Amino acid sequence: MFKKQLAALLAAAAFVMPMAAQASDHHAGDAAVAQAYIKEIQEADAAYIAAHDSAFFKNLAKGQTPRATVVTCSDSRVHTNAFDKTPEGDLFMVRNIGNQLATAKGSVQYGVNHLGSSLLLFIGHSSCGAIKAAGGDYSTLEEPIKKELDSINIAKGGANIDGVKTNVNNQVAAALKEWADQVKKGELLVVGAVYDFADDMKQGAGKLNVININGETDPAKLHSMPAPAAKAAHGHEHH
């Protein structure tokens, strides 16, 4: 079930996501940088419009039936173009620090319960700042940030990538409880993965490493899981 359903989603997972700007290219709090960047955003939008015909936008206007609800981190290095070349109408994206279910439950429920996504995907990533903070002392941070970090349950002082994987597995476990009936009926697949641009897992820089499928975390078993035929190709005709 896993391989076919994730075929489109994982097709581009081996690519290293290009950085639009490095941290050294600008300074925080520079309004001039912001003014220049909004112009770049408008230019990028114009190029995007030019690359698509009117039928593309008319189709989007009809509504959405995303195959996947994706919960990933707000980190600027993690974006949909690393997971799907054509995410429009296909990926219902939910982003927060630490790619958590608890701090965005309503959004995730909407994707699964009301939009009918058949895949719920949690994506953590290497060099995660939320995991670094949760694994240390964050008592001096702002209260709203502390509140979000409080729901990340990992060991203190451990390696960042270990905390990332633990957190992903925790999110999958929580989702399996929330949608136990749908999973049991085969209506929903819950998957946990790590986008490893730092190659901390030694599987290749930029690879999306699937580490959990419906609670199964054994690498050998994950690799050998069956893959029944997908019900529909990428588009808006799936159920």
Protein backbone atom coordinates (compact mmCIF):
# COMPACT_ATOMS: atom_id res chain seq x y z
CA MET A 1 0.00 0.00 0.00
CA PHE A 2 2.81 2.35 0.94
CA LYS A 3 4.92 2.34 -2.23
CA LYS A 4 2.12 3.12 -4.68
CA GLN A 5 0.42 5.72 -2.52
CA LEU A 6 3.68 7.54 -1.91
CA ALA A 7 5.05 7.25 -5.46
CA ALA A 8 4.32 10.82 -6.48
CA LEU A 9 5.12 12.20 -3.04
CA LEU A 10 8.56 10.61 -2.83
CA ALA A 11 9.53 11.02 -6.49
CA ALA A 12 11.60 14.10 -5.79
CA ALA A 13 12.76 13.16 -2.30
CA ALA A 14 16.36 12.51 -3.39
CA PHE A 15 16.88 16.06 -4.55
CA VAL A 16 18.64 18.56 -2.33
CA MET A 17 16.37 21.57 -2.00
CA PRO A 18 18.12 24.68 -3.34
CA MET A 19 18.47 27.53 -0.90
CA ALA A 20 16.85 30.74 -2.14
CA ALA A 21 19.00 32.70 0.26
CA GLN A 22 21.69 31.83 2.77
CA ALA A 23 21.66 33.23 6.29
CA SER A 24 24.75 35.31 5.47
CA ASP A 25 22.97 37.08 2.58
CA HIS A 26 20.91 39.38 4.78
CA HIS A 27 20.54 40.73 8.28
CA ALA A 28 17.50 40.39 10.53
CA GLY A 29 15.34 43.47 10.85
CA ASP A 30 16.38 45.07 7.58
CA ALA A 31 13.34 46.72 5.96
CA ALA A 32 15.26 47.36 2.75
CA VAL A 33 15.80 43.63 2.36
CA ALA A 34 12.08 43.07 2.89
CA GLN A 35 11.19 45.66 0.23
CA ALA A 36 13.50 44.04 -2.28
CA TYR A 37 12.24 40.57 -1.46
CA ILE A 38 8.55 41.40 -1.91
CA LYS A 39 9.44 42.47 -5.44
CA GLU A 40 11.12 39.11 -6.00
CA ILE A 41 8.00 37.36 -4.72
CA GLN A 42 5.83 39.30 -7.17
CA GLU A 43 8.19 38.48 -10.02
CA ALA A 44 8.15 34.81 -9.07
CA ASP A 45 4.35 34.89 -9.03
CA ALA A 46 4.28 36.45 -12.49
CA ALA A 47 6.58 33.71 -13.78
CA TYR A 48 4.37 31.06 -12.19
CA ILE A 49 1.28 32.52 -13.86
CA ALA A 50 3.05 32.60 -17.21
CA ALA A 51 3.98 28.93 -16.84
CA HIS A 52 0.34 27.80 -16.39
CA ASP A 53 -2.66 28.25 -18.64
CA SER A 54 -6.07 29.49 -17.50
CA ALA A 55 -7.44 25.94 -17.27
CA PHE A 56 -4.92 25.20 -14.50
CA PHE A 57 -6.30 27.96 -12.28
CA LYS A 58 -9.93 27.18 -13.18
CA ASN A 59 -9.34 23.63 -12.00
CA LEU A 60 -7.90 24.88 -8.70
CA ALA A 61 -10.88 27.16 -8.23
CA LYS A 62 -13.26 24.18 -8.29
CA GLY A 63 -12.03 22.98 -4.89
CA GLN A 64 -9.53 20.59 -3.40
CA THR A 65 -9.31 16.87 -2.73
CA PRO A 66 -5.72 16.46 -1.50
CA ARG A 67 -4.41 12.92 -1.32
CA ALA A 68 -2.10 13.83 1.55
CA THR A 69 -2.30 15.94 4.66
CA VAL A 70 1.29 16.81 5.45
CA VAL A 71 2.39 18.04 8.88
CA THR A 72 5.88 19.46 8.70
CA CYS A 73 8.05 21.99 10.45
CA SER A 74 7.86 25.73 9.83
CA ASP A 75 11.61 25.69 9.14
CA SER A 76 12.39 27.70 6.00
CA ARG A 77 14.57 24.90 4.62
CA VAL A 78 11.64 22.47 4.36
CA HIS A 79 9.25 23.00 1.46
CA THR A 80 6.84 21.14 -0.79
CA ASN A 81 9.07 21.24 -3.86
CA ALA A 82 11.30 18.72 -2.09
CA PHE A 83 8.42 16.23 -1.83
CA ASP A 84 6.11 16.81 -4.81
CA LYS A 85 6.82 18.51 -8.13
CA THR A 86 3.14 19.39 -8.54
CA PRO A 87 1.71 19.89 -5.03
CA GLU A 88 -1.23 22.12 -6.02
CA GLY A 89 -4.45 20.46 -4.93
CA ASP A 90 -2.56 17.40 -3.77
CA LEU A 91 -0.80 18.32 -0.51
CA PHE A 92 -2.75 19.91 2.33
CA MET A 93 0.14 21.49 4.21
CA VAL A 94 0.13 22.09 7.97
CA ARG A 95 3.25 23.74 9.37
CA ASN A 96 4.34 24.47 12.93
CA ILE A 97 7.51 24.27 15.00
CA GLY A 98 8.30 20.62 15.59
CA ASN A 99 5.79 19.24 13.04
CA GLN A 100 3.28 18.49 15.77
CA LEU A 101 -0.26 17.18 15.83
CA ALA A 102 -1.08 18.68 19.25
CA THR A 103 -0.44 22.31 18.26
CA ALA A 104 -2.32 22.11 14.95
CA LYS A 105 -4.96 19.46 15.58
CA GLY A 106 -7.83 21.39 14.02
CA SER A 107 -5.97 21.87 10.76
CA VAL A 108 -4.98 18.21 10.61
CA GLN A 109 -8.52 17.10 11.41
CA TYR A 110 -9.78 19.27 8.58
CA GLY A 111 -7.39 17.66 6.10
CA VAL A 112 -8.23 14.10 7.13
CA ASN A 113 -11.87 14.32 8.21
CA HIS A 114 -13.26 16.92 5.81
CA LEU A 115 -10.96 16.94 2.78
CA GLY A 116 -10.61 13.17 2.86
CA SER A 117 -6.84 12.78 2.61
CA SER A 118 -5.92 9.10 2.53
CA LEU A 119 -2.35 9.79 3.67
CA LEU A 120 -1.34 11.61 6.84
CA LEU A 121 2.38 12.34 6.66
CA PHE A 122 4.51 13.77 9.46
CA ILE A 123 7.85 15.13 8.28
CA GLY A 124 10.63 16.05 10.68
CA HIS A 125 14.00 17.30 9.50
CA SER A 126 17.67 17.35 10.40
CA SER A 127 19.13 20.31 12.33
CA CYS A 128 15.71 21.12 13.78
CA GLY A 129 15.72 24.17 16.03
CA ALA A 130 12.52 23.16 17.81
CA ILE A 131 14.04 19.80 18.73
CA LYS A 132 17.24 21.51 19.88
CA ALA A 133 15.22 23.82 22.10
CA ALA A 134 12.95 21.10 23.47
CA GLY A 135 16.00 18.98 24.28
CA GLY A 136 17.53 21.75 26.36
CA ASP A 137 16.50 24.61 28.65
CA TYR A 138 13.95 26.88 26.96
CA SER A 139 12.65 28.56 30.09
CA THR A 140 13.74 32.04 28.94
CA LEU A 141 11.78 31.94 25.67
CA GLU A 142 8.46 33.68 25.08
CA GLU A 143 5.45 32.01 26.70
CA PRO A 144 3.68 31.07 23.43
CA ILE A 145 6.88 29.41 22.16
CA LYS A 146 7.34 27.55 25.43
CA LYS A 147 3.76 26.33 25.19
CA GLU A 148 4.43 24.80 21.78
CA LEU A 149 7.70 23.25 22.90
CA ASP A 150 6.05 21.72 25.96
CA SER A 151 4.25 19.18 23.77
CA ILE A 152 7.49 17.86 22.24
CA ASN A 153 8.38 14.84 24.36
CA ILE A 154 12.03 13.94 23.83
CA ALA A 155 15.01 13.21 26.05
CA LYS A 156 17.09 16.16 27.20
CA GLY A 157 20.62 16.51 25.88
CA GLY A 158 20.42 13.88 23.14
CA ALA A 159 21.62 14.10 19.54
CA ASN A 160 19.39 16.30 17.40
CA ILE A 161 18.62 13.62 14.81
CA ASP A 162 17.62 11.16 17.55
CA GLY A 163 15.21 13.71 18.96
CA VAL A 164 13.84 14.38 15.48
CA LYS A 165 13.10 10.68 14.93
CA THR A 166 11.59 10.25 18.38
CA ASN A 167 9.34 13.24 17.83
CA VAL A 168 8.17 11.94 14.43
CA ASN A 169 7.34 8.57 15.96
CA ASN A 170 5.46 10.31 18.77
CA GLN A 171 3.35 12.22 16.24
CA VAL A 172 2.51 9.03 14.35
CA ALA A 173 1.53 7.32 17.61
CA ALA A 174 -0.78 10.20 18.53
CA ALA A 175 -2.37 10.17 15.08
CA LEU A 176 -2.93 6.42 15.22
CA LYS A 177 -4.97 6.95 18.39
CA GLU A 178 -6.93 9.84 16.90
CA TRP A 179 -7.80 8.01 13.66
CA ALA A 180 -7.71 4.42 14.86
CA ASP A 181 -10.93 3.44 13.05
CA GLN A 182 -9.89 4.91 9.70
CA VAL A 183 -6.51 3.19 9.88
CA LYS A 184 -8.10 -0.14 10.83
CA LYS A 185 -10.52 0.10 7.89
CA GLY A 186 -7.68 0.86 5.47
CA GLU A 187 -9.00 4.35 4.79
CA LEU A 188 -5.95 6.17 6.13
CA LEU A 189 -2.22 5.57 6.08
CA VAL A 190 -0.15 7.37 8.75
CA VAL A 191 3.50 7.80 7.85
CA GLY A 192 6.46 9.39 9.61
CA ALA A 193 9.53 10.60 7.72
CA VAL A 194 12.67 12.68 8.16
CA TYR A 195 13.86 15.15 5.52
CA ASP A 196 17.59 14.83 6.07
CA PHE A 197 19.36 17.67 4.25
CA ALA A 198 22.30 17.36 6.66
CA ASP A 199 22.72 13.62 5.92
CA ASP A 200 22.68 12.83 9.65
CA MET A 201 21.13 9.44 8.88
CA LYS A 202 23.84 8.66 6.29
CA GLN A 203 21.31 7.83 3.58
CA GLY A 204 22.19 10.76 1.34
CA ALA A 205 21.85 14.51 1.77
CA GLY A 206 18.33 15.71 0.97
CA LYS A 207 16.69 12.31 1.17
CA LEU A 208 13.23 11.85 2.65
CA ASN A 209 13.68 8.84 4.91
CA VAL A 210 10.46 7.03 5.82
CA ILE A 211 10.88 5.72 9.37
CA ASN A 212 7.34 4.83 10.43
CA ILE A 213 4.29 3.40 8.64
CA ASN A 214 1.18 2.93 10.77
CA GLY A 215 3.38 2.37 13.82
CA GLU A 216 5.84 -0.01 12.17
CA THR A 217 9.41 1.26 12.61
CA ASP A 218 11.56 -1.75 11.76
CA PRO A 219 13.56 -0.77 8.62
CA ALA A 220 13.51 -4.29 7.20
CA LYS A 221 9.75 -4.58 7.59
CA LEU A 222 9.19 -1.11 6.16
CA HIS A 223 11.16 -2.03 3.07
CA SER A 224 9.17 -5.20 2.49
CA MET A 225 5.68 -3.81 3.06
CA PRO A 226 3.25 -4.69 0.23
CA ALA A 227 2.11 -2.08 -2.27
CA PRO A 228 -1.36 -2.65 -3.76
CA ALA A 229 -2.35 -0.75 -6.88
CA ALA A 230 -3.21 2.89 -6.37
CA LYS A 231 -6.85 3.81 -6.99
CA ALA A 232 -6.06 6.92 -9.02
CA ALA A 233 -3.23 8.87 -10.53
CA HIS A 234 -2.14 12.33 -9.43
CA GLY A 235 -5.00 14.75 -9.94
CA HIS A 236 -8.47 15.50 -8.66
CA GLU A 237 -10.30 12.28 -9.52
CA HIS A 238 -9.33 10.26 -6.46
CA HIS A 239 -11.59 9.46 -3.52
